[in-house]
Protein backbone atom coordinates (compact mmCIF):
# COMPACT_ATOMS: atom_id res chain seq x y z
CA UNK A 1 55.19 29.99 -60.94
CA UNK A 2 55.75 28.44 -64.38
CA UNK A 3 58.32 29.83 -66.77
CA UNK A 4 57.04 32.51 -69.07
CA UNK A 5 57.26 32.22 -72.82
CA UNK A 6 60.13 34.05 -74.49
CA UNK A 7 59.72 36.97 -76.80
CA UNK A 8 57.95 36.31 -80.10
CA UNK A 9 54.75 34.54 -80.97
CA UNK A 10 55.12 31.72 -78.44
CA UNK A 11 57.09 28.57 -77.64
CA UNK A 12 56.40 25.44 -79.70
CA UNK A 13 57.55 21.90 -78.85
CA UNK A 14 58.30 19.76 -81.95
CA UNK A 15 58.45 15.99 -81.35
CA UNK A 16 59.60 13.58 -84.11
CA UNK A 17 61.99 10.64 -84.34
CA UNK A 18 63.27 11.99 -87.71
CA UNK A 19 66.01 14.63 -87.09
CA UNK A 20 65.48 16.15 -90.55
CA UNK A 21 61.78 16.64 -89.88
CA UNK A 22 62.55 18.33 -86.55
CA UNK A 23 65.10 20.64 -88.21
CA UNK A 24 62.73 21.65 -91.03
CA UNK A 25 59.90 22.44 -88.64
CA UNK A 26 62.24 24.36 -86.34
CA UNK A 27 63.61 26.52 -89.16
CA UNK A 28 60.17 27.17 -90.66
CA UNK A 29 58.50 28.12 -87.38
CA UNK A 30 61.39 30.24 -86.11
CA UNK A 31 61.24 32.21 -89.35
CA UNK A 32 57.66 33.11 -88.36
CA UNK A 33 58.74 34.36 -84.93
CA UNK A 34 58.15 31.25 -82.79
CA UNK A 35 60.65 29.85 -80.29
CA UNK A 36 61.01 26.13 -81.06
CA UNK A 37 62.18 23.31 -78.78
CA UNK A 38 62.99 20.10 -80.68
CA UNK A 39 62.81 16.57 -79.24
CA UNK A 40 63.86 13.24 -80.78
CA UNK A 41 61.00 11.04 -79.58
CA UNK A 42 58.54 10.99 -76.71
CA UNK A 43 60.97 10.23 -73.87
CA UNK A 44 63.22 13.16 -74.77
CA UNK A 45 60.13 15.38 -75.12
CA UNK A 46 58.99 14.40 -71.60
CA UNK A 47 62.36 15.48 -70.25
CA UNK A 48 62.11 18.86 -71.99
CA UNK A 49 58.61 19.45 -70.65
CA UNK A 50 59.66 18.58 -67.11
CA UNK A 51 62.74 20.78 -67.33
CA UNK A 52 61.19 23.82 -69.05
CA UNK A 53 57.74 23.60 -67.45
CA UNK A 54 54.63 22.75 -69.41
CA UNK A 55 53.18 26.23 -68.86
CA UNK A 56 56.12 27.70 -70.77
CA UNK A 57 54.79 26.07 -73.96
CA UNK A 58 51.95 27.35 -76.12
CA UNK A 59 51.79 24.54 -78.71
CA UNK A 60 53.12 21.02 -79.39
CA UNK A 61 53.59 19.48 -82.86
CA UNK A 62 53.82 15.68 -82.46
CA UNK A 63 54.60 12.91 -84.96
CA UNK A 64 52.19 10.01 -84.56
CA UNK A 65 54.54 7.14 -85.57
CA UNK A 66 57.52 7.00 -83.19
CA UNK A 67 59.34 4.05 -81.55
CA UNK A 68 59.32 3.34 -77.79
CA UNK A 69 56.62 5.94 -77.08
CA UNK A 70 54.12 6.70 -79.82
CA UNK A 71 52.91 10.22 -80.51
CA UNK A 72 49.49 9.33 -79.14
CA UNK A 73 50.99 7.99 -75.89
CA UNK A 74 53.00 11.19 -75.49
CA UNK A 75 49.89 13.28 -76.21
CA UNK A 76 47.95 11.47 -73.48
CA UNK A 77 50.82 12.06 -71.02
CA UNK A 78 51.04 15.72 -72.05
CA UNK A 79 47.32 16.19 -71.36
CA UNK A 80 47.84 14.95 -67.81
CA UNK A 81 50.47 17.68 -67.33
CA UNK A 82 48.37 20.51 -68.74
CA UNK A 83 45.07 19.92 -70.55
CA UNK A 84 45.06 23.53 -71.74
CA UNK A 85 48.10 23.03 -74.04
CA UNK A 86 46.87 22.64 -77.64
CA UNK A 87 48.67 19.96 -79.70
CA UNK A 88 48.86 19.15 -83.41
CA UNK A 89 49.24 15.51 -84.49
CA UNK A 90 51.24 14.70 -87.66
CA UNK A 91 51.30 11.36 -89.54
CA UNK A 92 52.07 9.96 -92.97
CA UNK A 93 48.97 7.77 -92.84
CA UNK A 94 45.58 9.18 -93.78
CA UNK A 95 43.56 6.86 -91.61
CA UNK A 96 40.27 8.11 -90.23
CA UNK A 97 40.65 5.97 -87.11
CA UNK A 98 43.96 7.70 -86.25
CA UNK A 99 42.37 11.12 -86.70
CA UNK A 100 39.48 10.26 -84.42
CA UNK A 101 41.77 8.66 -81.84
CA UNK A 102 44.07 11.70 -81.78
CA UNK A 103 41.21 14.16 -81.44
CA UNK A 104 39.70 12.12 -78.61
CA UNK A 105 43.11 12.16 -76.94
CA UNK A 106 43.10 15.95 -76.89
CA UNK A 107 44.71 16.95 -80.20
CA UNK A 108 43.78 20.40 -81.49
CA UNK A 109 44.38 19.54 -85.17
CA UNK A 110 45.57 16.70 -87.42
CA UNK A 111 47.99 17.16 -90.36
CA UNK A 112 49.43 14.71 -92.91
CA UNK A 113 53.04 14.28 -94.05
CA UNK A 114 54.67 15.72 -96.00
CA UNK A 115 53.75 18.86 -94.03
CA UNK A 116 52.44 21.78 -96.06
CA UNK A 117 53.50 24.99 -94.26
CA UNK A 118 50.46 26.72 -95.72
CA UNK A 119 48.41 24.43 -93.49
CA UNK A 120 50.83 24.16 -90.57
CA UNK A 121 51.31 27.88 -89.87
CA UNK A 122 47.59 28.75 -89.48
CA UNK A 123 47.12 25.60 -87.39
CA UNK A 124 49.99 26.53 -85.04
CA UNK A 125 48.70 30.12 -84.75
CA UNK A 126 45.24 28.84 -83.82
CA UNK A 127 46.74 26.34 -81.35
CA UNK A 128 48.72 29.10 -79.60
CA UNK A 129 45.61 31.27 -79.38
CA UNK A 130 43.56 28.35 -78.09
CA UNK A 131 46.15 27.60 -75.39
CA UNK A 132 46.17 31.24 -74.26
CA UNK A 133 42.37 31.36 -74.18
CA UNK A 134 42.10 28.11 -72.21
CA UNK A 135 44.67 29.25 -69.67
CA UNK A 136 42.97 32.60 -69.21
CA UNK A 137 39.66 30.84 -68.56
CA UNK A 138 41.38 28.40 -66.19
CA UNK A 139 42.92 31.27 -64.22
CA UNK A 140 39.57 33.06 -64.10
CA UNK A 141 37.85 29.88 -62.93
CA UNK A 142 40.56 29.33 -60.32
CA UNK A 143 40.14 32.89 -59.05
CA UNK A 144 36.39 32.33 -58.88
CA UNK A 145 36.94 29.04 -57.07
CA UNK A 146 39.21 30.74 -54.53
CA UNK A 147 36.64 33.49 -54.05
CA UNK A 148 33.97 30.84 -53.58
CA UNK A 149 36.16 29.15 -50.98
CA UNK A 150 36.55 32.46 -49.14
CA UNK A 151 32.77 32.96 -49.25
CA UNK A 152 32.17 29.43 -47.95
CA UNK A 153 34.77 29.86 -45.20
CA UNK A 154 33.18 33.14 -44.10
CA UNK A 155 29.76 31.47 -44.09
CA UNK A 156 31.11 28.67 -41.87
CA UNK A 157 33.11 31.02 -39.58
CA UNK A 158 31.00 30.54 -36.47
CA UNK A 159 31.60 30.13 -32.78
CA UNK A 160 30.67 26.76 -31.19
CA UNK A 161 27.45 28.33 -29.89
CA UNK A 162 26.62 29.64 -33.37
CA UNK A 163 27.13 26.19 -34.91
CA UNK A 164 24.77 24.68 -32.36
CA UNK A 165 22.05 27.20 -33.09
CA UNK A 166 22.58 28.00 -36.79
CA UNK A 167 22.44 25.55 -39.71
CA UNK A 168 23.47 26.78 -43.18
CA UNK A 169 23.23 25.41 -46.70
CA UNK A 170 25.27 27.51 -49.13
CA UNK A 171 25.56 26.49 -52.79
CA UNK A 172 26.76 29.01 -55.41
CA UNK A 173 25.47 28.32 -58.91
CA UNK A 174 29.03 28.76 -60.25
CA UNK A 175 32.43 28.66 -58.52
CA UNK A 176 31.49 31.79 -56.58
CA UNK A 177 28.18 33.49 -56.06
CA UNK A 178 26.43 36.60 -54.84
CA UNK A 179 24.65 34.94 -51.89
CA UNK A 180 26.24 34.96 -48.46
CA UNK A 181 25.49 34.78 -44.75
CA UNK A 182 27.35 36.23 -41.78
CA UNK A 183 26.81 35.13 -38.18
CA UNK A 184 28.15 37.35 -35.41
CA UNK A 185 28.14 36.46 -31.72
CA UNK A 186 27.95 40.02 -30.38
CA UNK A 187 28.04 38.97 -26.73
CA UNK A 188 26.82 36.13 -24.51
CA UNK A 189 23.16 37.02 -25.12
CA UNK A 190 22.99 38.39 -28.66
CA UNK A 191 23.55 36.84 -32.10
CA UNK A 192 23.34 38.78 -35.36
CA UNK A 193 22.52 36.83 -38.55
CA UNK A 194 22.75 38.65 -41.87
CA UNK A 195 21.57 36.88 -45.06
CA UNK A 196 22.16 38.64 -48.38
CA UNK A 197 21.92 38.22 -52.16
CA UNK A 198 23.78 40.46 -54.63
CA UNK A 199 22.01 40.93 -57.97
CA UNK A 200 23.49 38.96 -60.87
CA UNK A 201 25.26 35.60 -61.07
CA UNK A 202 28.70 36.64 -62.32
CA UNK A 203 32.08 37.36 -60.73
CA UNK A 204 31.08 40.98 -60.24
CA UNK A 205 28.29 39.86 -57.92
CA UNK A 206 30.71 37.61 -56.04
CA UNK A 207 33.28 40.38 -55.57
CA UNK A 208 30.64 42.88 -54.42
CA UNK A 209 29.33 40.24 -52.04
CA UNK A 210 32.80 39.72 -50.59
CA UNK A 211 33.28 43.50 -50.34
CA UNK A 212 29.94 43.89 -48.57
CA UNK A 213 30.87 41.16 -46.09
CA UNK A 214 34.11 42.97 -45.32
CA UNK A 215 32.27 46.25 -44.75
CA UNK A 216 29.72 44.56 -42.49
CA UNK A 217 32.35 42.72 -40.46
CA UNK A 218 34.37 45.88 -39.92
CA UNK A 219 31.36 47.98 -38.89
CA UNK A 220 29.96 45.25 -36.61
CA UNK A 221 33.38 45.03 -34.95
CA UNK A 222 33.11 48.78 -34.31
CA UNK A 223 29.65 48.14 -32.76
CA UNK A 224 27.85 50.15 -35.46
CA UNK A 225 24.05 49.69 -35.30
CA UNK A 226 22.59 47.52 -38.09
CA UNK A 227 20.39 50.27 -39.53
CA UNK A 228 23.47 52.52 -39.89
CA UNK A 229 25.40 49.70 -41.62
CA UNK A 230 22.61 49.17 -44.15
CA UNK A 231 22.16 52.90 -44.70
CA UNK A 232 25.90 53.31 -45.29
CA UNK A 233 26.02 50.52 -47.86
CA UNK A 234 22.87 51.75 -49.59
CA UNK A 235 24.53 55.16 -50.02
CA UNK A 236 27.73 53.46 -51.18
CA UNK A 237 25.86 51.51 -53.88
CA UNK A 238 24.13 54.64 -55.11
CA UNK A 239 27.28 56.77 -55.17
CA UNK A 240 29.86 54.21 -56.35
CA UNK A 241 28.17 51.47 -58.42
CA UNK A 242 24.86 52.99 -59.48
CA UNK A 243 25.91 56.60 -60.09
CA UNK A 244 24.96 56.72 -63.78
CA UNK A 245 21.73 58.52 -64.62
CA UNK A 246 19.41 58.15 -67.55
CA UNK A 247 19.91 61.34 -69.61
CA UNK A 248 16.27 61.37 -70.69
CA UNK A 249 14.56 61.48 -67.27
CA UNK A 250 17.49 61.80 -64.83
CA UNK A 251 16.59 58.56 -63.02
CA UNK A 252 19.43 56.52 -61.53
CA UNK A 253 19.97 53.27 -63.44
CA UNK A 254 20.22 50.40 -60.98
CA UNK A 255 23.07 48.14 -62.08
CA UNK A 256 23.82 46.49 -58.75
CA UNK A 257 21.61 45.90 -55.75
CA UNK A 258 21.86 43.87 -52.56
CA UNK A 259 18.88 42.16 -50.95
CA UNK A 260 19.60 41.65 -47.28
CA UNK A 261 17.76 40.39 -44.24
CA UNK A 262 19.30 41.24 -40.87
CA UNK A 263 18.06 39.51 -37.70
CA UNK A 264 19.31 40.31 -34.21
CA UNK A 265 18.43 37.57 -31.68
CA UNK A 266 18.41 38.52 -28.00
CA UNK A 267 18.45 35.19 -26.15
CA UNK A 268 18.03 36.72 -22.70
CA UNK A 269 15.05 38.90 -23.66
CA UNK A 270 13.75 36.09 -25.94
CA UNK A 271 13.12 38.54 -28.78
CA UNK A 272 14.29 39.35 -32.29
CA UNK A 273 14.71 42.54 -34.33
CA UNK A 274 14.47 42.15 -38.10
CA UNK A 275 15.12 44.44 -41.07
CA UNK A 276 14.41 43.03 -44.52
CA UNK A 277 15.48 44.73 -47.75
CA UNK A 278 14.30 42.63 -50.68
CA UNK A 279 14.65 39.01 -49.54
CA UNK A 280 11.70 36.58 -49.39
CA UNK A 281 9.84 36.95 -46.12
CA UNK A 282 11.42 34.77 -43.39
CA UNK A 283 9.33 32.34 -41.39
CA UNK A 284 9.27 31.91 -37.61
CA UNK A 285 7.87 28.70 -36.13
CA UNK A 286 7.07 28.40 -32.43
CA UNK A 287 7.78 25.25 -30.41
CA UNK A 288 4.28 23.94 -31.13
CA UNK A 289 4.81 24.23 -34.90
CA UNK A 290 2.73 27.36 -35.50
CA UNK A 291 4.32 29.52 -38.19
CA UNK A 292 4.11 33.14 -39.22
CA UNK A 293 5.84 35.39 -41.73
CA UNK A 294 8.09 37.96 -40.05
CA UNK A 295 8.35 41.62 -41.00
CA UNK A 296 7.87 43.45 -44.29
CA UNK A 297 9.81 42.98 -47.52
CA UNK A 298 11.34 46.35 -48.31
CA UNK A 299 13.23 47.34 -51.47
CA UNK A 300 16.80 46.06 -52.02
CA UNK A 301 19.75 48.27 -51.11
CA UNK A 302 20.87 50.37 -54.04
CA UNK A 303 17.41 51.11 -55.43
CA UNK A 304 16.38 54.30 -53.67
CA UNK A 305 18.08 57.11 -51.78
CA UNK A 306 15.41 56.97 -49.09
CA UNK A 307 16.77 55.93 -45.69
CA UNK A 308 13.42 54.51 -44.62
CA UNK A 309 13.44 50.93 -43.43
CA UNK A 310 10.90 48.96 -41.44
CA UNK A 311 12.20 47.22 -38.33
CA UNK A 312 10.12 44.40 -36.90
CA UNK A 313 10.46 43.45 -33.24
CA UNK A 314 8.77 40.40 -31.76
CA UNK A 315 9.00 37.78 -29.06
CA UNK A 316 10.47 34.38 -29.93
CA UNK A 317 8.81 32.64 -27.00
CA UNK A 318 10.21 29.40 -25.67
CA UNK A 319 11.43 27.65 -28.78
CA UNK A 320 10.93 26.66 -32.39
CA UNK A 321 12.95 27.79 -35.38
CA UNK A 322 13.59 30.73 -37.69
CA UNK A 323 13.96 30.11 -41.45
CA UNK A 324 15.36 32.49 -44.05
CA UNK A 325 16.47 31.95 -47.65
CA UNK A 326 17.39 33.79 -50.82
CA UNK A 327 15.24 33.84 -53.95
CA UNK A 328 17.34 31.11 -55.58
CA UNK A 329 15.70 28.57 -53.27
CA UNK A 330 12.22 29.83 -54.12
CA UNK A 331 12.99 29.63 -57.85
CA UNK A 332 14.21 26.04 -57.45
CA UNK A 333 11.09 25.14 -55.46
CA UNK A 334 8.83 26.60 -58.15
CA UNK A 335 10.76 24.76 -60.88
CA UNK A 336 10.29 21.46 -59.05
CA UNK A 337 6.70 22.30 -58.04
CA UNK A 338 7.59 22.08 -54.36
CA UNK A 339 7.15 24.24 -51.29
CA UNK A 340 10.26 26.28 -50.28
CA UNK A 341 10.11 24.85 -46.75
CA UNK A 342 10.27 21.30 -48.14
CA UNK A 343 13.38 22.13 -50.18
CA UNK A 344 14.98 23.96 -47.25
CA UNK A 345 14.35 21.08 -44.84
CA UNK A 346 15.81 18.45 -47.18
CA UNK A 347 18.90 20.56 -48.01
CA UNK A 348 19.66 21.24 -44.36
CA UNK A 349 19.18 17.56 -43.57
CA UNK A 350 21.38 16.36 -46.45
CA UNK A 351 24.61 14.64 -45.44
CA UNK A 352 27.61 15.79 -47.45
CA UNK A 353 28.07 17.93 -50.54
CA UNK A 354 27.40 15.02 -52.91
CA UNK A 355 23.82 14.56 -51.72
CA UNK A 356 23.21 18.30 -51.89
CA UNK A 357 24.57 18.38 -55.46
CA UNK A 358 21.94 15.81 -56.46
CA UNK A 359 19.15 17.76 -54.75
CA UNK A 360 20.29 21.02 -56.35
CA UNK A 361 20.53 19.67 -59.89
CA UNK A 362 18.86 22.15 -62.23
CA UNK A 363 19.35 25.16 -59.93
CA UNK A 364 19.85 28.30 -62.02
CA UNK A 365 20.66 30.69 -59.17
CA UNK A 366 22.72 30.69 -55.99
CA UNK A 367 21.08 28.80 -53.14
CA UNK A 368 21.30 29.90 -49.52
CA UNK A 369 19.09 28.75 -46.66
CA UNK A 370 19.60 29.43 -42.95
CA UNK A 371 17.87 27.76 -40.01
CA UNK A 372 18.23 29.25 -36.52
CA UNK A 373 17.21 27.11 -33.57
CA UNK A 374 15.41 29.33 -31.11
CA UNK A 375 15.96 27.27 -27.98
CA UNK A 376 18.82 25.44 -26.32
CA UNK A 377 17.39 21.93 -26.61
CA UNK A 378 17.83 19.80 -29.71
CA UNK A 379 15.03 17.83 -31.35
CA UNK A 380 12.37 20.52 -31.59
CA UNK A 381 9.83 20.89 -34.38
CA UNK A 382 11.33 21.29 -37.88
CA UNK A 383 9.19 22.71 -40.69
CA UNK A 384 8.69 20.79 -43.94
CA UNK A 385 5.73 22.75 -45.37
CA UNK A 386 3.97 26.08 -44.80
CA UNK A 387 1.44 27.83 -47.03
CA UNK A 388 -1.81 29.77 -47.06
CA UNK A 389 -4.75 29.13 -49.37
CA UNK A 390 -7.95 31.05 -50.20
CA UNK A 391 -11.24 29.57 -49.09
CA UNK A 392 -12.52 29.21 -52.68
CA UNK A 393 -9.93 26.51 -53.55
CA UNK A 394 -12.34 23.60 -53.00
CA UNK A 395 -12.36 22.88 -56.74
CA UNK A 396 -8.54 22.62 -56.64
CA UNK A 397 -8.36 20.13 -53.77
CA UNK A 398 -6.93 17.35 -55.98
CA UNK A 399 -4.19 19.70 -57.18
CA UNK A 400 -3.38 20.77 -53.62
CA UNK A 401 -3.26 17.17 -52.44
CA UNK A 402 -0.83 16.29 -55.25
CA UNK A 403 1.48 19.13 -54.12
CA UNK A 404 1.32 17.99 -50.48
CA UNK A 405 2.15 14.44 -51.54
CA UNK A 406 5.10 15.55 -53.66
CA UNK A 407 6.49 17.70 -50.83
CA UNK A 408 6.20 14.93 -48.23
CA UNK A 409 7.92 12.38 -50.47
CA UNK A 410 10.69 14.88 -51.24
CA UNK A 411 11.28 15.99 -47.66
CA UNK A 412 10.78 12.62 -45.93
CA UNK A 413 12.44 10.26 -48.40
CA UNK A 414 11.85 7.11 -46.29
CA UNK A 415 8.17 7.82 -45.53
CA UNK A 416 6.02 4.68 -45.59
CA UNK A 417 3.57 4.91 -48.52
CA UNK A 418 0.66 3.43 -46.53
CA UNK A 419 1.21 6.01 -43.83
CA UNK A 420 1.45 8.67 -46.52
CA UNK A 421 -2.06 7.75 -47.73
CA UNK A 422 -3.42 8.20 -44.19
CA UNK A 423 -1.73 11.60 -43.87
CA UNK A 424 -3.03 12.86 -47.21
CA UNK A 425 -6.55 11.68 -46.52
CA UNK A 426 -6.64 13.54 -43.19
CA UNK A 427 -5.08 16.67 -44.72
CA UNK A 428 -7.67 16.66 -47.48
CA UNK A 429 -10.57 16.38 -45.06
CA UNK A 430 -9.19 19.08 -42.75
CA UNK A 431 -8.58 21.42 -45.69
CA UNK A 432 -12.07 20.91 -47.11
CA UNK A 433 -13.53 21.58 -43.68
CA UNK A 434 -11.45 24.75 -43.30
CA UNK A 435 -12.44 26.08 -46.72
CA UNK A 436 -16.13 25.30 -46.42
CA UNK A 437 -16.86 26.05 -42.76
CA UNK A 438 -13.97 28.27 -41.64
CA UNK A 439 -13.50 30.41 -44.78
CA UNK A 440 -17.13 30.07 -45.96
CA UNK A 441 -15.78 29.45 -49.47
CA UNK A 442 -14.64 33.07 -49.75
CA UNK A 443 -11.62 34.10 -51.81
CA UNK A 444 -10.71 36.78 -49.27
CA UNK A 445 -10.52 34.35 -46.33
CA UNK A 446 -7.35 32.27 -45.94
CA UNK A 447 -6.54 29.04 -44.16
CA UNK A 448 -3.04 27.81 -43.30
CA UNK A 449 -1.55 24.37 -43.92
CA UNK A 450 1.56 23.54 -41.90
CA UNK A 451 3.62 20.35 -41.70
CA UNK A 452 6.68 19.53 -39.67
CA UNK A 453 8.51 16.72 -37.93
CA UNK A 454 9.44 16.12 -34.32
CA UNK A 455 12.67 14.12 -34.86
CA UNK A 456 13.10 12.67 -31.38
CA UNK A 457 9.50 11.45 -31.29
CA UNK A 458 9.46 10.34 -34.95
CA UNK A 459 6.20 12.22 -35.47
CA UNK A 460 4.84 14.15 -38.44
CA UNK A 461 2.64 17.01 -37.26
CA UNK A 462 0.05 18.63 -39.52
CA UNK A 463 -1.78 21.78 -38.47
CA UNK A 464 -4.70 23.36 -40.32
CA UNK A 465 -5.88 26.79 -39.15
CA UNK A 466 -8.77 28.87 -40.47
CA UNK A 467 -10.52 32.14 -39.54
CA UNK A 468 -13.73 30.42 -38.45
CA UNK A 469 -15.12 29.27 -35.14
CA UNK A 470 -12.85 26.23 -35.08
CA UNK A 471 -13.07 22.46 -35.42
CA UNK A 472 -15.25 20.14 -33.39
CA UNK A 473 -13.84 16.66 -32.92
CA UNK A 474 -16.56 15.50 -30.55
CA UNK A 475 -18.69 12.54 -31.72
CA UNK A 476 -21.59 13.80 -33.85
CA UNK A 477 -25.13 13.88 -32.46
CA UNK A 478 -26.56 13.23 -35.92
CA UNK A 479 -26.68 9.81 -37.50
CA UNK A 480 -23.75 8.63 -39.64
CA UNK A 481 -24.12 9.81 -43.22
CA UNK A 482 -26.21 12.85 -42.36
CA UNK A 483 -23.33 15.27 -41.99
CA UNK A 484 -20.26 15.13 -44.25
CA UNK A 485 -18.40 17.44 -41.90
CA UNK A 486 -18.73 14.95 -39.05
CA UNK A 487 -17.73 12.04 -41.27
CA UNK A 488 -14.53 13.83 -42.33
CA UNK A 489 -13.62 14.70 -38.74
CA UNK A 490 -14.39 11.15 -37.58
CA UNK A 491 -11.98 9.90 -40.25
CA UNK A 492 -9.31 12.26 -38.95
CA UNK A 493 -9.82 10.95 -35.40
CA UNK A 494 -9.46 7.35 -36.52
CA UNK A 495 -6.24 7.83 -38.55
CA UNK A 496 -4.30 10.33 -36.41
CA UNK A 497 -3.79 11.67 -32.93
CA UNK A 498 -6.02 14.68 -33.51
CA UNK A 499 -6.82 17.53 -31.18
CA UNK A 500 -8.16 21.05 -31.33
CA UNK A 501 -5.84 23.64 -29.83
CA UNK A 502 -7.60 25.49 -27.00
CA UNK A 503 -8.50 29.07 -27.80
CA UNK A 504 -7.67 28.69 -31.51
CA UNK A 505 -9.37 27.60 -34.72
CA UNK A 506 -6.62 25.08 -35.42
CA UNK A 507 -6.73 21.30 -35.66
CA UNK A 508 -3.48 19.44 -34.99
CA UNK A 509 -2.96 15.92 -36.36
CA UNK A 510 0.05 13.86 -35.26
CA UNK A 511 1.16 10.79 -37.23
CA UNK A 512 3.72 8.30 -35.93
CA UNK A 513 6.00 7.71 -38.92
CA UNK A 514 7.47 4.33 -37.93
């Protein structure tokens, strides 16, 4: 720990090669309550700083013109020791270039000789205040950084089996954030994944997030059921953080809430149990690439006293993936006019923090995305796009195609542009067919567009599903040009490995990427 300043208004270092100047400044500043350390030149000043500790000083008054080491050279060295220490540069020359150079070097103020104490005293007072303010902010930032490190460490605290199954991208908007994920290996057959987002983007959100993680970890260790954990924390939020009531109508004012999605995977039973309080609906993809939203989006914890929560149980079949994210990822996707799955795929694929920083430029909220592999074998289908569209979107087909193109280029950065044209042409034709023949052009009927990659096979798979009777890829009985539907499907057959899934109204198009 650095030495603390003595009693009074602060410790000031005075550096000048003129002993009379040092003495005058020392007497004048000590009369005002400052503790003054005098140094004859830069080298002596360096020794004082190293002996006393730079954090024991609140201000430095430095003469510009000194032999051996100039005032500017000492200032630059001093900034390397502690950039928060405010310094005042003094010179007998009124040269604009010296002023600019000193300010660029980190000087707080610039005064001319002979020194006028009516100017010096307010400048020193402001420098001391500036140093204190900078150091307070530095300490706050350091605390936030340490909290962020704890959050990151807790997010990465997984068993080897967890790391094989679970991929995480965690990026707080500031040093620490309100998003977090916990992965618990309950036993050989069960894994609990809990994704959460505390309201707000400040340190309060980060501390509540850390507190919530501690509560969850302790209760999971005691084998408390998930619904009881969430009920307990909901009651805690209402009684501790959100206890104030509006005097006019008696309604509880919600100051802090926690959106949380809890998923319990049973690998032996091949099933999952999900409870979602306020997070975007997670997506489950089977091993063939067919996706579906899982469960209902309930209200965040801390909103209502009701203990009601909807638990969704379903089979996870023989493979695929489970995707969950916080609303920060959705906001970033909207800002960049992308699909959340495209952003999630690219972030999870990114190598190193530097690449993720570039991808996350412009993010205004904490980002957290979690991918759970649902089988034991690597190289299964990975989602890059999933969305539903009304059947009356025929007039918007150019807009939809532009979005698909943007998402593919973003997610698959090395995609060949000629192959991209083939993919988009087939997607367009399949979508038009689904809207016109499957949805009958109705706003109330929806079709699904899904895209994903099979890494080991280097294949992009596109699936289009609609509520109609299904696609027919058989050669048309009519003459070419008589049926636009047949022409579109013939085009799909020529540019992709296309097939109709038996018993479904889905067309699957596979494209070899390289």
